[in-house]
Amino acid sequence: MRLLVVLVVFGLLITTCQSLDYSLTKFSIAIHCPSGELGLWNAKLSIFHHSKTEYLATSGGMTSDKFQLIEIEGYSYNFNERAFMLLEVDSRCKIKTSILPGNEYEMPIPKDNGHHYAFRVYNMENAEDLTDSEAYEYLFMKYLEKDCAMNECKGSTREYVAKGCDIFKNETSQCIKGYDDTLPKYCQKEGSPVGAIIVLALVIGVFFYCRKRKRSKQNVTGTMSGSGTISGTTKQSSGTNNFNSGTPTGTPTGTPTGAPTTTGGERY
């Protein structure tokens, strides 16, 4: 009987632990007010689930600058049901469009219990501006400075950054371009061996990528054919081509302790 009780309790513990599965997502965001200061700003990260919103983290402050770096992260449960993450950023910058900038809705929640990250910029005057090169330069200059100072530039490779840019599909290409344009400026500013190493790694990566594409293209367009006697065989080959992440200013309000009452991403 005792053994049965122990087994039941053990099974309940396993079920409880499985229900507490969650992922951590961190957003590195640059907001920009081209015509004036941002003033008072706020950022909120939340989850929308079963028609309810649960806030994961908040951040805020005051600045007289045109730019502000925001780092905000939160734990999200791996719900079996449909659930989304929401990101809201606002400031005192005067909005010049009918669309409110700094809002992302219906971002899908990763379900692999991993650590995810995303890069994003917002023109707080114009939500339709997806090519704010000044904001991207500000974002990645700050990011590179911090990562190289605290993490030996391990998160500063193009491959790592590209994964974070890919979270928001509509801005992916501009995000990566922002990194590519900022990296040489950072290295020139630092004038350090670390910067040279990053550039060298980037150049080597591009070289092998281009060479791989060239070979794949040759394999696709070139074919081999031949004829022979009855005992011979004719062969033809073709190639295929396969293409295919300081201290945060915002901190989670808490780690998961149980099933939540309820509650960044391309505009999915």
Protein backbone atom coordinates (compact mmCIF):
# COMPACT_ATOMS: atom_id res chain seq x y z
CA MET A 1 0.00 0.00 0.00
CA ARG A 2 2.83 2.39 0.89
CA LEU A 3 4.52 1.57 -2.40
CA LEU A 4 1.32 2.43 -4.26
CA VAL A 5 1.07 5.79 -2.44
CA VAL A 6 4.70 6.57 -3.26
CA LEU A 7 4.15 5.76 -6.93
CA VAL A 8 1.04 7.95 -7.08
CA VAL A 9 2.85 10.88 -5.45
CA PHE A 10 5.83 10.41 -7.78
CA GLY A 11 3.51 10.42 -10.78
CA LEU A 12 1.85 13.62 -9.60
CA LEU A 13 5.26 15.28 -9.20
CA ILE A 14 6.25 14.31 -12.75
CA THR A 15 2.96 15.64 -14.11
CA THR A 16 3.40 18.90 -12.20
CA CYS A 17 6.96 19.36 -13.42
CA GLN A 18 5.93 18.72 -16.99
CA SER A 19 3.19 21.33 -16.70
CA LEU A 20 5.81 23.91 -15.58
CA ASP A 21 7.77 23.74 -18.84
CA TYR A 22 8.62 27.21 -20.06
CA SER A 23 10.90 29.18 -22.35
CA LEU A 24 12.79 32.43 -21.77
CA THR A 25 12.60 35.12 -24.43
CA LYS A 26 14.68 38.33 -24.38
CA PHE A 27 14.11 41.38 -26.57
CA SER A 28 16.80 43.95 -27.36
CA ILE A 29 14.96 47.03 -28.64
CA ALA A 30 15.98 50.50 -29.78
CA ILE A 31 13.35 53.22 -29.89
CA HIS A 32 13.93 56.45 -31.84
CA CYS A 33 12.23 59.84 -31.90
CA PRO A 34 13.77 61.61 -34.94
CA SER A 35 12.37 65.09 -34.30
CA GLY A 36 12.82 65.36 -30.54
CA GLU A 37 13.37 63.65 -27.22
CA LEU A 38 11.63 60.45 -26.24
CA GLY A 39 10.80 61.67 -22.75
CA LEU A 40 8.99 59.19 -20.55
CA TRP A 41 8.99 55.67 -22.02
CA ASN A 42 7.58 52.29 -20.97
CA ALA A 43 7.80 48.71 -22.20
CA LYS A 44 5.64 45.72 -21.30
CA LEU A 45 5.91 42.05 -22.18
CA SER A 46 2.88 39.86 -21.60
CA ILE A 47 1.04 36.67 -22.54
CA PHE A 48 -2.50 36.50 -23.85
CA HIS A 49 -4.21 33.21 -23.00
CA HIS A 50 -7.87 32.27 -22.56
CA SER A 51 -8.94 35.90 -23.14
CA LYS A 52 -6.76 37.09 -20.26
CA THR A 53 -3.46 38.97 -20.13
CA GLU A 54 -0.60 38.16 -17.76
CA TYR A 55 2.32 40.59 -17.61
CA LEU A 56 5.73 38.91 -17.67
CA ALA A 57 7.99 41.96 -17.35
CA THR A 58 7.90 45.74 -17.42
CA SER A 59 10.54 48.42 -17.90
CA GLY A 60 10.52 52.20 -18.05
CA GLY A 61 12.37 55.43 -17.56
CA MET A 62 12.94 59.00 -18.67
CA THR A 63 15.40 60.32 -21.27
CA SER A 64 16.09 63.59 -23.04
CA ASP A 65 17.78 61.70 -25.89
CA LYS A 66 16.34 60.68 -29.26
CA PHE A 67 17.37 57.05 -28.69
CA GLN A 68 16.82 54.53 -25.94
CA LEU A 69 17.95 50.92 -25.61
CA ILE A 70 15.44 48.61 -23.94
CA GLU A 71 16.20 45.06 -22.85
CA ILE A 72 13.22 43.15 -21.55
CA GLU A 73 12.74 39.42 -21.00
CA GLY A 74 10.17 37.06 -19.58
CA TYR A 75 9.35 33.41 -19.01
CA SER A 76 6.51 31.97 -21.04
CA TYR A 77 4.75 28.68 -20.39
CA ASN A 78 4.54 26.11 -23.13
CA PHE A 79 0.76 26.09 -23.36
CA ASN A 80 -0.91 23.28 -25.21
CA GLU A 81 -3.69 25.68 -26.13
CA ARG A 82 -3.41 28.72 -28.40
CA ALA A 83 -1.47 31.51 -26.67
CA PHE A 84 0.54 34.55 -27.76
CA MET A 85 3.17 36.93 -26.46
CA LEU A 86 2.53 40.67 -26.68
CA LEU A 87 5.07 43.50 -26.69
CA GLU A 88 4.04 47.10 -26.01
CA VAL A 89 6.40 50.10 -26.09
CA ASP A 90 5.36 53.75 -25.76
CA SER A 91 6.97 57.16 -25.25
CA ARG A 92 6.17 60.87 -25.25
CA CYS A 93 7.41 61.16 -28.84
CA LYS A 94 4.75 62.80 -31.02
CA ILE A 95 3.18 60.26 -33.37
CA LYS A 96 2.78 61.33 -37.00
CA THR A 97 0.80 58.33 -38.28
CA SER A 98 -2.56 56.79 -37.45
CA ILE A 99 -0.87 53.51 -36.54
CA LEU A 100 0.50 53.32 -33.01
CA PRO A 101 4.21 52.31 -33.13
CA GLY A 102 5.87 49.92 -30.71
CA ASN A 103 3.23 47.21 -30.55
CA GLU A 104 3.54 43.55 -31.50
CA TYR A 105 0.62 41.19 -31.17
CA GLU A 106 0.16 37.45 -31.59
CA MET A 107 3.82 36.49 -31.40
CA PRO A 108 3.91 32.67 -31.13
CA ILE A 109 5.47 31.27 -27.97
CA PRO A 110 8.51 28.96 -28.48
CA LYS A 111 7.92 25.48 -27.08
CA ASP A 112 11.38 24.03 -26.64
CA ASN A 113 12.24 25.15 -23.08
CA GLY A 114 15.12 27.16 -24.53
CA HIS A 115 16.51 30.68 -24.39
CA HIS A 116 15.31 32.85 -27.28
CA TYR A 117 16.22 36.39 -28.25
CA ALA A 118 15.08 39.02 -30.72
CA PHE A 119 16.24 42.37 -32.09
CA ARG A 120 13.84 45.16 -33.01
CA VAL A 121 13.79 48.92 -33.59
CA TYR A 122 10.85 51.31 -33.56
CA ASN A 123 10.53 54.76 -35.05
CA MET A 124 8.21 56.17 -32.40
CA GLU A 125 6.98 58.87 -34.80
CA ASN A 126 6.23 56.65 -37.77
CA ALA A 127 5.15 53.01 -37.35
CA GLU A 128 5.45 52.45 -41.10
CA ASP A 129 9.18 53.24 -41.13
CA LEU A 130 10.93 49.85 -41.25
CA THR A 131 14.26 51.18 -42.53
CA ASP A 132 15.40 53.38 -39.66
CA SER A 133 19.16 52.95 -40.21
CA GLU A 134 20.05 55.32 -37.36
CA ALA A 135 18.07 53.25 -34.89
CA TYR A 136 19.65 50.00 -36.10
CA GLU A 137 23.12 51.49 -35.77
CA TYR A 138 22.32 52.64 -32.24
CA LEU A 139 20.90 49.22 -31.33
CA PHE A 140 23.79 47.13 -32.62
CA MET A 141 26.49 49.55 -31.42
CA LYS A 142 25.11 49.23 -27.89
CA TYR A 143 24.66 45.47 -28.27
CA LEU A 144 28.22 44.89 -29.54
CA GLU A 145 29.72 47.05 -26.83
CA LYS A 146 27.92 45.11 -24.13
CA ASP A 147 28.37 41.64 -25.57
CA CYS A 148 32.09 42.07 -26.24
CA ALA A 149 32.67 43.55 -22.79
CA MET A 150 30.75 40.89 -20.87
CA ASN A 151 30.58 37.84 -23.13
CA GLU A 152 33.79 38.00 -25.21
CA CYS A 153 31.71 38.77 -28.32
CA LYS A 154 30.24 35.24 -28.33
CA GLY A 155 26.83 36.61 -29.27
CA SER A 156 28.17 39.06 -31.85
CA THR A 157 28.63 36.75 -34.82
CA ARG A 158 26.47 37.31 -37.85
CA GLU A 159 24.92 33.85 -37.55
CA TYR A 160 23.87 34.51 -33.96
CA VAL A 161 22.45 37.96 -34.70
CA ALA A 162 20.62 36.69 -37.81
CA LYS A 163 18.58 34.30 -35.65
CA GLY A 164 17.44 37.18 -33.47
CA CYS A 165 16.60 39.28 -36.53
CA ASP A 166 14.51 36.45 -37.98
CA ILE A 167 11.93 36.63 -35.18
CA PHE A 168 10.28 39.63 -36.86
CA LYS A 169 9.98 38.41 -40.43
CA ASN A 170 8.93 41.72 -42.00
CA GLU A 171 12.07 43.44 -40.71
CA THR A 172 14.58 40.59 -41.05
CA SER A 173 16.53 41.89 -44.04
CA GLN A 174 16.77 45.44 -42.70
CA CYS A 175 17.78 44.14 -39.28
CA ILE A 176 20.66 42.08 -40.70
CA LYS A 177 21.69 45.01 -42.90
CA GLY A 178 21.77 47.18 -39.80
CA TYR A 179 24.18 44.73 -38.17
CA ASP A 180 26.37 44.50 -41.29
CA ASP A 181 26.59 48.30 -41.53
CA THR A 182 27.30 48.78 -37.83
CA LEU A 183 29.96 46.09 -37.33
CA PRO A 184 32.78 47.88 -39.24
CA LYS A 185 31.98 51.13 -37.41
CA TYR A 186 32.18 49.34 -34.07
CA CYS A 187 35.49 47.73 -34.95
CA GLN A 188 36.90 51.06 -36.12
CA LYS A 189 35.68 52.72 -32.94
CA GLU A 190 37.15 50.06 -30.68
CA GLY A 191 40.36 49.60 -32.67
CA SER A 192 40.83 46.33 -30.85
CA PRO A 193 41.94 42.81 -31.84
CA VAL A 194 38.49 41.60 -30.79
CA GLY A 195 36.88 43.74 -33.46
CA ALA A 196 39.31 42.49 -36.08
CA ILE A 197 38.51 38.90 -35.14
CA ILE A 198 34.78 39.51 -35.60
CA VAL A 199 35.32 41.04 -39.04
CA LEU A 200 37.63 38.20 -40.05
CA ALA A 201 35.06 35.60 -39.00
CA LEU A 202 32.39 37.46 -40.96
CA VAL A 203 34.55 37.59 -44.11
CA ILE A 204 35.42 33.88 -43.88
CA GLY A 205 31.76 32.97 -43.40
CA VAL A 206 30.69 34.98 -46.44
CA PHE A 207 33.49 33.46 -48.54
CA PHE A 208 32.47 29.86 -47.82
CA TYR A 209 28.79 30.69 -48.23
CA CYS A 210 29.37 32.18 -51.68
CA ARG A 211 31.59 29.29 -52.73
CA LYS A 212 28.97 26.78 -51.63
CA ARG A 213 26.29 28.59 -53.64
CA LYS A 214 28.53 28.69 -56.72
CA ARG A 215 29.20 24.95 -56.55
CA SER A 216 25.53 24.17 -56.00
CA LYS A 217 24.57 26.30 -59.01
CA GLN A 218 27.10 24.49 -61.20
CA ASN A 219 25.70 21.14 -60.11
CA VAL A 220 22.16 22.23 -60.90
CA THR A 221 22.89 23.60 -64.37
CA GLY A 222 25.45 20.99 -65.43
CA THR A 223 24.43 17.47 -66.38
CA MET A 224 26.31 14.41 -67.47
CA SER A 225 24.96 12.13 -70.14
CA GLY A 226 26.35 9.41 -72.34
CA SER A 227 25.48 6.38 -74.44
CA GLY A 228 27.05 2.98 -74.70
CA THR A 229 26.57 -0.55 -75.88
CA ILE A 230 23.87 -2.83 -74.63
CA SER A 231 25.99 -3.77 -71.65
CA GLY A 232 26.65 -0.09 -70.75
CA THR A 233 24.47 2.28 -68.77
CA THR A 234 23.67 5.93 -69.15
CA LYS A 235 23.96 8.17 -66.08
CA GLN A 236 22.88 11.71 -65.44
CA SER A 237 23.69 13.69 -62.33
CA SER A 238 22.23 16.89 -61.05
CA GLY A 239 22.76 18.97 -57.95
CA THR A 240 20.25 20.51 -55.60
CA ASN A 241 20.57 23.67 -53.58
CA ASN A 242 19.38 24.00 -49.99
CA PHE A 243 19.10 27.31 -48.27
CA ASN A 244 18.02 28.07 -45.31
CA SER A 245 20.79 35.17 -31.54
CA GLY A 246 25.21 45.16 -18.74
CA THR A 247 22.27 44.32 -17.02
CA PRO A 248 18.89 44.28 -18.63
CA THR A 249 16.80 47.37 -18.08
CA GLY A 250 13.73 45.18 -17.74
CA THR A 251 13.58 42.09 -15.56
CA PRO A 252 10.97 39.34 -15.31
CA THR A 253 8.38 39.89 -12.64
CA GLY A 254 9.02 36.36 -11.45
CA THR A 255 9.77 32.81 -12.48
CA PRO A 256 6.91 30.36 -13.09
CA THR A 257 5.59 28.74 -9.93
CA GLY A 258 2.55 27.02 -11.31
CA ALA A 259 0.03 26.98 -14.09
CA PRO A 260 -0.65 30.63 -14.96
CA THR A 261 -4.00 32.26 -14.94
CA THR A 262 -3.10 33.23 -18.51
CA THR A 263 -0.59 35.63 -20.22
CA GLY A 264 8.92 39.62 -29.97
CA GLY A 265 7.86 38.32 -33.80
CA GLU A 266 6.81 39.13 -37.12
CA ARG A 267 3.37 40.48 -37.41
CA TYR A 268 2.16 36.98 -37.98
